Amino acid sequence: MAELPEIAKIAGQMRGALRGKTIERAELLQEKCLNVPPGVFQSRIAGARVEDVRYKGKWIIHRLGNGENILLSPGMGADILYFEDGKDAAEKFQIKVLFRDGSGYTVRFWWFGKYLLASDGELESEPNTKDIAIDPFDARFTPEYFAALLRGKKKGVKAFLMDQKNVGGIGNMYMHDILFRARLHPRRKISDMDEGDIRRLYDAIMGVLSLSRSKGASAYEKDFFGQKGGYGMDDFLVGYKEGKPCPACGAAIVSIKSGGSATYICPACQKA
């Protein structure tokens, strides 16, 4: 599942490759991914120029020159692939966007995803994205901002961080090592954390996500040009390593249920 490092990378690549191109047409083969009928979607984007591409949380947003915006969520994962010539396009897809210069891109959702349309006026109130918080790659995401964000909160730390209304872009894949680096149990109440805990958590978030970004994001996800990143199993400290020794103390790593999903922890380093 694509998280902040992967989404930020693909959005940046799309911005570089697509900005200034004019949409010729789109092939929209899976109507349940859309929020308007395919014919309406098509009529609202045909002939529009891509002015910018950015991301918000786990969403990629294309701003078009005609006042429309395309919102793409990979959901549980997707291949979002660019092609210079139509003959090189991926054969399997739910979405194909073609530009007037002959280039384009395809989207193949692994399980489910969304491809939505919103006018500039609708974007501010779009329910899928309007409440997404700033993410750790945002310059405003400082230690002071993070400490203020946690002040007075009572939720468990994992549940709080996974809520996109609190922190944009973080998901379960990187959560294991974030909490391990911070020496925090996933169910630890924020109200029980002191200043040192909060600072370690901030440093862990920035450290894990920045390491992935520096390595080109996940080794299990393709970027816009079909290349996989370099952040793989050797980079995970405890994530997906049940039964392996903790790199800090040697205790066996275990998997527990927390927030509706599995979390890998060291029971010695991350006491409840």
Protein backbone atom coordinates (compact mmCIF):
# COMPACT_ATOMS: atom_id res chain seq x y z
CA MET A 1 0.00 0.00 0.00
CA ALA A 2 1.46 3.34 -1.04
CA GLU A 3 2.22 5.70 1.83
CA LEU A 4 3.84 9.12 2.07
CA PRO A 5 7.27 8.34 0.49
CA GLU A 6 5.66 6.52 -2.44
CA ILE A 7 2.88 9.05 -3.00
CA ALA A 8 5.26 12.02 -2.77
CA LYS A 9 7.61 10.40 -5.29
CA ILE A 10 4.91 9.56 -7.83
CA ALA A 11 3.27 12.98 -7.50
CA GLY A 12 6.61 14.66 -8.14
CA GLN A 13 7.27 12.47 -11.17
CA MET A 14 3.79 13.14 -12.54
CA ARG A 15 4.29 16.87 -12.08
CA GLY A 16 7.51 16.76 -14.07
CA ALA A 17 6.14 14.55 -16.85
CA LEU A 18 2.58 15.86 -17.24
CA ARG A 19 2.57 19.56 -16.45
CA GLY A 20 1.69 21.53 -19.58
CA LYS A 21 0.20 18.56 -21.45
CA THR A 22 -3.36 18.68 -22.81
CA ILE A 23 -5.72 15.77 -22.21
CA GLU A 24 -7.09 14.19 -25.38
CA ARG A 25 -9.35 11.63 -23.76
CA ALA A 26 -9.58 9.02 -21.03
CA GLU A 27 -10.61 5.39 -20.98
CA LEU A 28 -12.53 4.78 -17.76
CA LEU A 29 -13.24 1.07 -17.48
CA GLN A 30 -14.28 0.71 -13.85
CA GLU A 31 -17.18 3.00 -13.01
CA LYS A 32 -17.13 2.15 -9.29
CA CYS A 33 -13.77 3.97 -9.03
CA LEU A 34 -15.42 7.19 -10.21
CA ASN A 35 -17.73 9.73 -8.57
CA VAL A 36 -19.43 10.81 -11.80
CA PRO A 37 -20.52 8.76 -14.85
CA PRO A 38 -17.69 8.04 -17.33
CA GLY A 39 -19.23 10.19 -20.04
CA VAL A 40 -19.52 13.18 -17.72
CA PHE A 41 -15.97 12.65 -16.46
CA GLN A 42 -14.73 12.50 -20.04
CA SER A 43 -16.52 15.67 -21.13
CA ARG A 44 -15.19 17.65 -18.16
CA ILE A 45 -11.52 16.79 -18.71
CA ALA A 46 -11.17 16.52 -22.51
CA GLY A 47 -9.12 19.41 -23.88
CA ALA A 48 -7.95 20.53 -20.43
CA ARG A 49 -4.31 21.31 -19.72
CA VAL A 50 -2.53 19.88 -16.67
CA GLU A 51 -1.39 22.91 -14.68
CA ASP A 52 0.05 21.13 -11.64
CA VAL A 53 0.22 17.82 -9.79
CA ARG A 54 0.52 17.67 -6.01
CA TYR A 55 -0.31 15.25 -3.23
CA LYS A 56 -2.35 15.50 -0.05
CA GLY A 57 -1.97 12.64 2.38
CA LYS A 58 -2.29 9.49 0.27
CA TRP A 59 -4.03 11.27 -2.61
CA ILE A 60 -2.54 12.63 -5.84
CA ILE A 61 -4.30 15.70 -7.23
CA HIS A 62 -4.10 16.99 -10.83
CA ARG A 63 -5.11 20.63 -11.18
CA LEU A 64 -6.46 21.29 -14.67
CA GLY A 65 -6.59 24.61 -16.46
CA ASN A 66 -10.36 24.52 -16.95
CA GLY A 67 -11.17 24.61 -13.23
CA GLU A 68 -11.37 20.85 -12.73
CA ASN A 69 -9.27 18.59 -10.50
CA ILE A 70 -8.59 14.86 -10.80
CA LEU A 71 -8.12 13.11 -7.45
CA LEU A 72 -6.36 9.75 -7.50
CA SER A 73 -6.14 7.37 -4.53
CA PRO A 74 -4.16 4.13 -5.05
CA GLY A 75 -6.17 2.57 -2.22
CA MET A 76 -4.53 -0.72 -1.22
CA GLY A 77 -2.02 -0.33 -4.05
CA ALA A 78 -1.86 0.50 -7.74
CA ASP A 79 0.44 0.56 -10.74
CA ILE A 80 0.38 4.14 -12.04
CA LEU A 81 2.53 4.01 -15.16
CA TYR A 82 3.59 6.61 -17.73
CA PHE A 83 4.08 5.92 -21.42
CA GLU A 84 5.55 8.11 -24.15
CA ASP A 85 3.76 6.25 -26.93
CA GLY A 86 0.43 4.44 -26.84
CA LYS A 87 1.96 1.19 -28.06
CA ASP A 88 4.02 1.07 -24.85
CA ALA A 89 1.03 1.44 -22.52
CA ALA A 90 0.35 -1.27 -19.94
CA GLU A 91 -2.16 -3.83 -21.22
CA LYS A 92 -4.10 -4.17 -17.96
CA PHE A 93 -5.69 -1.07 -16.45
CA GLN A 94 -8.90 0.45 -15.15
CA ILE A 95 -7.93 4.00 -16.17
CA LYS A 96 -6.00 5.24 -19.19
CA VAL A 97 -5.41 8.95 -19.80
CA LEU A 98 -4.15 10.02 -23.23
CA PHE A 99 -2.58 13.38 -24.05
CA ARG A 100 -2.48 15.16 -27.40
CA ASP A 101 1.24 14.53 -27.81
CA GLY A 102 0.62 10.76 -27.77
CA SER A 103 1.84 10.15 -24.24
CA GLY A 104 -0.31 9.13 -21.30
CA TYR A 105 -0.59 6.98 -18.22
CA THR A 106 -2.49 3.97 -16.98
CA VAL A 107 -3.80 3.08 -13.54
CA ARG A 108 -4.28 -0.52 -12.46
CA PHE A 109 -5.67 -0.84 -8.96
CA TRP A 110 -4.52 -3.99 -7.16
CA TRP A 111 -7.73 -4.22 -5.19
CA PHE A 112 -9.67 -0.97 -5.01
CA GLY A 113 -8.91 2.70 -5.49
CA LYS A 114 -10.56 5.96 -6.47
CA TYR A 115 -10.36 8.29 -9.45
CA LEU A 116 -12.52 11.31 -8.72
CA LEU A 117 -13.37 14.61 -10.34
CA ALA A 118 -13.97 17.86 -8.46
CA SER A 119 -14.26 21.42 -9.68
CA ASP A 120 -12.22 24.12 -7.96
CA GLY A 121 -15.36 25.08 -6.07
CA GLU A 122 -16.02 21.49 -4.99
CA LEU A 123 -12.44 20.67 -4.01
CA GLU A 124 -12.46 22.54 -0.71
CA SER A 125 -15.42 20.49 0.52
CA GLU A 126 -14.48 17.16 -1.12
CA PRO A 127 -15.12 14.68 1.74
CA ASN A 128 -12.22 12.36 0.87
CA THR A 129 -9.54 15.04 1.14
CA LYS A 130 -10.83 18.15 2.90
CA ASP A 131 -9.80 17.09 6.42
CA ILE A 132 -6.41 15.54 5.65
CA ALA A 133 -3.72 17.05 7.88
CA ILE A 134 -0.28 18.22 6.81
CA ASP A 135 2.32 15.47 6.43
CA PRO A 136 5.84 15.01 7.83
CA PHE A 137 7.46 16.19 4.57
CA ASP A 138 5.73 19.56 4.95
CA ALA A 139 8.06 22.30 6.24
CA ARG A 140 5.40 23.23 8.80
CA PHE A 141 5.67 19.80 10.43
CA THR A 142 8.17 20.89 13.09
CA PRO A 143 8.86 19.44 16.56
CA GLU A 144 6.90 22.34 18.03
CA TYR A 145 3.94 21.74 15.73
CA PHE A 146 3.95 18.02 16.56
CA ALA A 147 4.12 18.59 20.31
CA ALA A 148 1.18 21.01 20.10
CA LEU A 149 -0.74 18.50 17.96
CA LEU A 150 -0.43 15.82 20.66
CA ARG A 151 -1.17 18.13 23.57
CA GLY A 152 -4.29 17.05 25.46
CA LYS A 153 -4.92 13.97 23.30
CA LYS A 154 -5.93 10.69 24.95
CA LYS A 155 -5.94 8.19 22.08
CA GLY A 156 -3.50 5.35 21.69
CA VAL A 157 -0.45 6.53 19.77
CA LYS A 158 -0.84 4.21 16.75
CA ALA A 159 -4.52 4.99 16.28
CA PHE A 160 -3.77 8.71 16.50
CA LEU A 161 -0.99 8.63 13.91
CA MET A 162 -2.98 6.46 11.50
CA ASP A 163 -5.84 8.97 11.45
CA GLN A 164 -5.28 11.15 8.38
CA LYS A 165 -7.03 14.04 10.12
CA ASN A 166 -4.08 14.16 12.53
CA VAL A 167 -1.06 13.35 10.35
CA GLY A 168 -1.26 12.95 6.58
CA GLY A 169 0.34 10.07 4.71
CA ILE A 170 1.39 7.61 7.42
CA GLY A 171 0.11 4.04 7.16
CA ASN A 172 0.79 0.66 8.71
CA MET A 173 3.85 -0.22 6.60
CA TYR A 174 6.12 2.36 8.22
CA MET A 175 4.31 2.44 11.57
CA HIS A 176 6.07 -0.64 12.95
CA ASP A 177 9.54 0.87 12.80
CA ILE A 178 8.38 4.35 13.78
CA LEU A 179 7.00 3.04 17.07
CA PHE A 180 10.01 0.76 17.59
CA ARG A 181 12.47 3.61 17.13
CA ALA A 182 10.44 5.69 19.58
CA ARG A 183 10.30 2.74 22.05
CA LEU A 184 6.52 3.07 22.26
CA HIS A 185 3.89 0.35 22.43
CA PRO A 186 1.20 0.98 19.78
CA ARG A 187 -1.52 1.17 22.44
CA ARG A 188 0.39 3.61 24.63
CA LYS A 189 -1.90 6.52 25.51
CA ILE A 190 -0.68 9.89 24.31
CA SER A 191 -1.76 11.35 27.65
CA ASP A 192 0.84 9.09 29.33
CA MET A 193 3.71 10.30 27.14
CA ASP A 194 6.20 12.86 28.40
CA GLU A 195 8.18 15.44 26.41
CA GLY A 196 10.99 12.96 25.81
CA ASP A 197 8.58 10.37 24.41
CA ILE A 198 7.04 12.94 22.08
CA ARG A 199 10.40 14.12 20.80
CA ARG A 200 11.57 10.53 20.21
CA LEU A 201 8.36 9.86 18.32
CA TYR A 202 8.83 12.94 16.15
CA ASP A 203 12.43 11.96 15.39
CA ALA A 204 11.33 8.40 14.60
CA ILE A 205 8.65 9.59 12.16
CA MET A 206 11.09 11.86 10.37
CA GLY A 207 13.88 9.29 10.42
CA VAL A 208 11.91 6.37 9.01
CA LEU A 209 10.08 8.34 6.31
CA SER A 210 13.18 10.30 5.28
CA LEU A 211 15.20 7.09 4.98
CA SER A 212 12.59 5.60 2.68
CA ARG A 213 12.49 8.77 0.59
CA SER A 214 16.29 8.80 0.30
CA LYS A 215 16.20 5.22 -1.00
CA GLY A 216 13.54 5.94 -3.60
CA ALA A 217 10.62 4.66 -1.48
CA SER A 218 9.37 1.09 -1.13
CA ALA A 219 10.99 -1.78 -3.01
CA TYR A 220 7.52 -3.29 -3.39
CA GLU A 221 5.89 -0.40 -5.28
CA LYS A 222 6.56 0.82 -8.81
CA ASP A 223 6.98 4.52 -9.46
CA PHE A 224 5.52 6.47 -12.41
CA PHE A 225 8.26 5.15 -14.70
CA GLY A 226 7.95 1.52 -13.62
CA GLN A 227 10.98 1.48 -11.32
CA LYS A 228 10.85 0.04 -7.81
CA GLY A 229 12.39 1.84 -4.86
CA GLY A 230 15.24 0.66 -2.68
CA TYR A 231 13.60 0.49 0.76
CA GLY A 232 13.22 -3.24 1.34
CA MET A 233 13.27 -5.91 4.03
CA ASP A 234 16.84 -5.16 5.03
CA ASP A 235 15.74 -1.66 6.03
CA PHE A 236 12.91 -2.74 8.32
CA LEU A 237 14.01 -3.07 11.93
CA VAL A 238 11.01 -4.97 13.30
CA GLY A 239 8.35 -4.61 10.60
CA TYR A 240 7.32 -7.96 9.06
CA LYS A 241 10.01 -9.79 11.08
CA GLU A 242 7.97 -11.87 13.49
CA GLY A 243 10.15 -14.35 15.37
CA LYS A 244 13.39 -12.61 14.39
CA PRO A 245 15.62 -11.12 17.11
CA CYS A 246 15.15 -7.47 18.04
CA PRO A 247 18.10 -5.47 16.65
CA ALA A 248 18.39 -3.64 19.98
CA CYS A 249 18.01 -6.34 22.65
CA GLY A 250 17.71 -9.71 20.92
CA ALA A 251 14.21 -10.53 22.16
CA ALA A 252 11.90 -12.21 19.65
CA ILE A 253 9.78 -9.80 17.61
CA VAL A 254 6.05 -10.49 17.90
CA SER A 255 2.95 -9.49 15.96
CA ILE A 256 -0.01 -8.05 17.85
CA LYS A 257 -3.38 -6.68 16.79
CA SER A 258 -3.72 -2.95 17.24
CA GLY A 259 -6.11 -0.54 15.57
CA GLY A 260 -7.59 -3.29 13.42
CA SER A 261 -4.27 -4.31 11.86
CA ALA A 262 -1.13 -6.24 12.76
CA THR A 263 1.74 -4.39 14.39
CA TYR A 264 5.22 -5.84 14.80
CA ILE A 265 6.92 -4.93 18.07
CA CYS A 266 9.70 -5.90 20.43
CA PRO A 267 7.88 -6.78 23.68
CA ALA A 268 10.98 -5.91 25.69
CA CYS A 269 11.73 -2.52 24.13
CA GLN A 270 8.09 -1.48 23.66
CA LYS A 271 6.38 -2.30 26.92
CA ALA A 272 2.63 -1.76 27.19
